[in-house]
């Protein structure tokens, strides 16, 4: 790291920061998608059970 100029170091830090943010956003999106799938499955199960109960 010491052989880099100050500008190069700043650029690298910027890139690393953007990568971290991108990972964080991807994780949130992935987690949300997973939750959404589980939620839909739960809703489907509940509907199915309520139909069974109503019969």
N, C-alpha and C. Protein backbone atom coordinates (compact mmCIF):
# COMPACT_ATOMS: atom_id res chain seq x y z
N UNK A 1 0.83 -1.21 0.00
CA UNK A 1 0.00 0.00 0.00
C UNK A 1 0.86 1.26 0.00
N UNK A 2 2.04 1.20 0.60
CA UNK A 2 2.86 2.41 0.77
C UNK A 2 3.40 2.95 -0.54
N UNK A 3 3.50 2.08 -1.58
CA UNK A 3 4.03 2.56 -2.85
C UNK A 3 2.97 3.22 -3.74
N UNK A 4 1.74 3.28 -3.26
CA UNK A 4 0.67 3.95 -4.02
C UNK A 4 0.66 5.44 -3.71
N UNK A 5 0.22 6.24 -4.68
CA UNK A 5 0.06 7.66 -4.44
C UNK A 5 -1.21 7.87 -3.62
N UNK A 6 -1.36 9.06 -3.07
CA UNK A 6 -2.54 9.37 -2.26
C UNK A 6 -3.82 9.23 -3.09
N UNK A 7 -3.76 9.68 -4.36
CA UNK A 7 -4.95 9.59 -5.22
C UNK A 7 -5.33 8.14 -5.48
N UNK A 8 -4.34 7.31 -5.78
CA UNK A 8 -4.60 5.89 -6.02
C UNK A 8 -5.22 5.23 -4.79
N UNK A 9 -4.71 5.60 -3.64
CA UNK A 9 -5.23 5.05 -2.38
C UNK A 9 -6.70 5.47 -2.20
N UNK A 10 -6.99 6.74 -2.47
CA UNK A 10 -8.37 7.24 -2.38
C UNK A 10 -9.28 6.49 -3.34
N UNK A 11 -8.79 6.30 -4.57
CA UNK A 11 -9.58 5.58 -5.58
C UNK A 11 -9.88 4.17 -5.12
N UNK A 12 -8.87 3.50 -4.58
CA UNK A 12 -9.07 2.13 -4.10
C UNK A 12 -10.07 2.08 -2.97
N UNK A 13 -9.95 3.02 -2.04
CA UNK A 13 -10.88 3.06 -0.91
C UNK A 13 -12.31 3.26 -1.40
N UNK A 14 -12.46 4.12 -2.40
CA UNK A 14 -13.76 4.39 -3.00
C UNK A 14 -14.34 3.10 -3.59
N UNK A 15 -13.50 2.38 -4.33
CA UNK A 15 -13.94 1.14 -4.97
C UNK A 15 -14.35 0.11 -3.91
N UNK A 16 -13.52 -0.03 -2.88
CA UNK A 16 -13.85 -0.99 -1.82
C UNK A 16 -15.16 -0.61 -1.13
N UNK A 17 -15.35 0.67 -0.90
CA UNK A 17 -16.58 1.14 -0.26
C UNK A 17 -17.79 0.79 -1.13
N UNK A 18 -17.66 1.01 -2.43
CA UNK A 18 -18.77 0.69 -3.34
C UNK A 18 -19.06 -0.80 -3.38
N UNK A 19 -18.00 -1.62 -3.31
CA UNK A 19 -18.19 -3.07 -3.29
C UNK A 19 -18.93 -3.48 -2.02
N UNK A 20 -18.54 -2.91 -0.89
CA UNK A 20 -19.21 -3.22 0.38
C UNK A 20 -20.68 -2.86 0.32
N UNK A 21 -20.98 -1.67 -0.19
CA UNK A 21 -22.37 -1.21 -0.30
C UNK A 21 -23.17 -2.14 -1.21
N UNK A 22 -22.55 -2.52 -2.33
CA UNK A 22 -23.22 -3.41 -3.28
C UNK A 22 -23.53 -4.76 -2.63
N UNK A 23 -22.57 -5.30 -1.89
CA UNK A 23 -22.78 -6.58 -1.19
C UNK A 23 -23.92 -6.44 -0.20
N UNK A 24 -23.90 -5.36 0.55
CA UNK A 24 -24.92 -5.11 1.57
C UNK A 24 -26.30 -5.04 0.92
N UNK A 25 -26.41 -4.29 -0.16
CA UNK A 25 -27.69 -4.17 -0.87
C UNK A 25 -28.14 -5.50 -1.42
N UNK A 26 -27.19 -6.27 -1.97
CA UNK A 26 -27.53 -7.58 -2.53
C UNK A 26 -28.05 -8.50 -1.43
N UNK A 27 -27.38 -8.45 -0.26
CA UNK A 27 -27.81 -9.30 0.85
C UNK A 27 -29.22 -8.95 1.29
N UNK A 28 -29.53 -7.66 1.38
CA UNK A 28 -30.88 -7.22 1.78
C UNK A 28 -31.89 -7.70 0.75
N UNK A 29 -31.56 -7.52 -0.53
CA UNK A 29 -32.48 -7.92 -1.60
C UNK A 29 -32.70 -9.42 -1.58
N UNK A 30 -31.62 -10.17 -1.40
CA UNK A 30 -31.70 -11.63 -1.36
C UNK A 30 -32.55 -12.09 -0.17
N UNK A 31 -32.30 -11.45 0.98
CA UNK A 31 -33.03 -11.79 2.20
C UNK A 31 -34.51 -11.47 2.03
N UNK A 32 -34.80 -10.32 1.44
CA UNK A 32 -36.19 -9.90 1.21
C UNK A 32 -36.88 -10.89 0.28
N UNK A 33 -36.16 -11.30 -0.78
CA UNK A 33 -36.73 -12.24 -1.74
C UNK A 33 -37.04 -13.56 -1.05
N UNK A 34 -36.13 -14.01 -0.19
CA UNK A 34 -36.31 -15.26 0.53
C UNK A 34 -37.52 -15.15 1.46
N UNK A 35 -37.60 -14.04 2.18
CA UNK A 35 -38.73 -13.81 3.08
C UNK A 35 -40.04 -13.81 2.31
N UNK A 36 -40.01 -13.16 1.16
CA UNK A 36 -41.19 -13.05 0.34
C UNK A 36 -41.67 -14.44 -0.09
N UNK A 37 -40.71 -15.29 -0.50
CA UNK A 37 -41.07 -16.66 -0.89
C UNK A 37 -41.67 -17.41 0.27
N UNK A 38 -41.05 -17.30 1.45
CA UNK A 38 -41.56 -17.99 2.63
C UNK A 38 -42.94 -17.46 2.99
N UNK A 39 -43.11 -16.15 2.88
CA UNK A 39 -44.39 -15.53 3.18
C UNK A 39 -45.48 -16.04 2.26
N UNK A 40 -45.16 -16.15 0.99
CA UNK A 40 -46.14 -16.63 0.02
C UNK A 40 -46.51 -18.08 0.30
N UNK A 41 -45.50 -18.86 0.69
CA UNK A 41 -45.74 -20.26 1.02
C UNK A 41 -46.66 -20.35 2.23
N UNK A 42 -46.39 -19.52 3.24
CA UNK A 42 -47.21 -19.51 4.45
C UNK A 42 -48.64 -19.11 4.12
N UNK A 43 -48.80 -18.10 3.28
CA UNK A 43 -50.14 -17.65 2.90
C UNK A 43 -50.88 -18.77 2.18
N UNK A 44 -50.16 -19.47 1.28
CA UNK A 44 -50.78 -20.57 0.55
C UNK A 44 -51.23 -21.67 1.51
N UNK A 45 -50.37 -21.99 2.47
CA UNK A 45 -50.72 -23.02 3.46
C UNK A 45 -51.94 -22.61 4.27
N UNK A 46 -51.95 -21.34 4.70
CA UNK A 46 -53.08 -20.85 5.49
C UNK A 46 -54.38 -20.92 4.69
N UNK A 47 -54.32 -20.50 3.44
CA UNK A 47 -55.51 -20.56 2.59
C UNK A 47 -55.99 -21.99 2.46
N UNK A 48 -55.04 -22.88 2.23
CA UNK A 48 -55.38 -24.29 2.06
C UNK A 48 -56.04 -24.84 3.33
N UNK A 49 -55.45 -24.50 4.48
CA UNK A 49 -55.99 -24.98 5.76
C UNK A 49 -57.37 -24.39 6.02
N UNK A 50 -57.54 -23.11 5.72
CA UNK A 50 -58.84 -22.48 5.97
C UNK A 50 -59.91 -23.07 5.05
N UNK A 51 -59.52 -23.42 3.83
CA UNK A 51 -60.47 -24.08 2.93
C UNK A 51 -60.88 -25.44 3.49
N UNK A 52 -59.89 -26.16 4.04
CA UNK A 52 -60.15 -27.47 4.62
C UNK A 52 -61.11 -27.32 5.81
N UNK A 53 -60.90 -26.27 6.61
CA UNK A 53 -61.73 -26.05 7.80
C UNK A 53 -63.15 -25.66 7.42
N UNK A 54 -63.27 -24.88 6.35
CA UNK A 54 -64.58 -24.39 5.94
C UNK A 54 -65.44 -25.50 5.31
N UNK A 55 -64.82 -26.53 4.80
CA UNK A 55 -65.57 -27.60 4.14
C UNK A 55 -66.34 -28.43 5.14
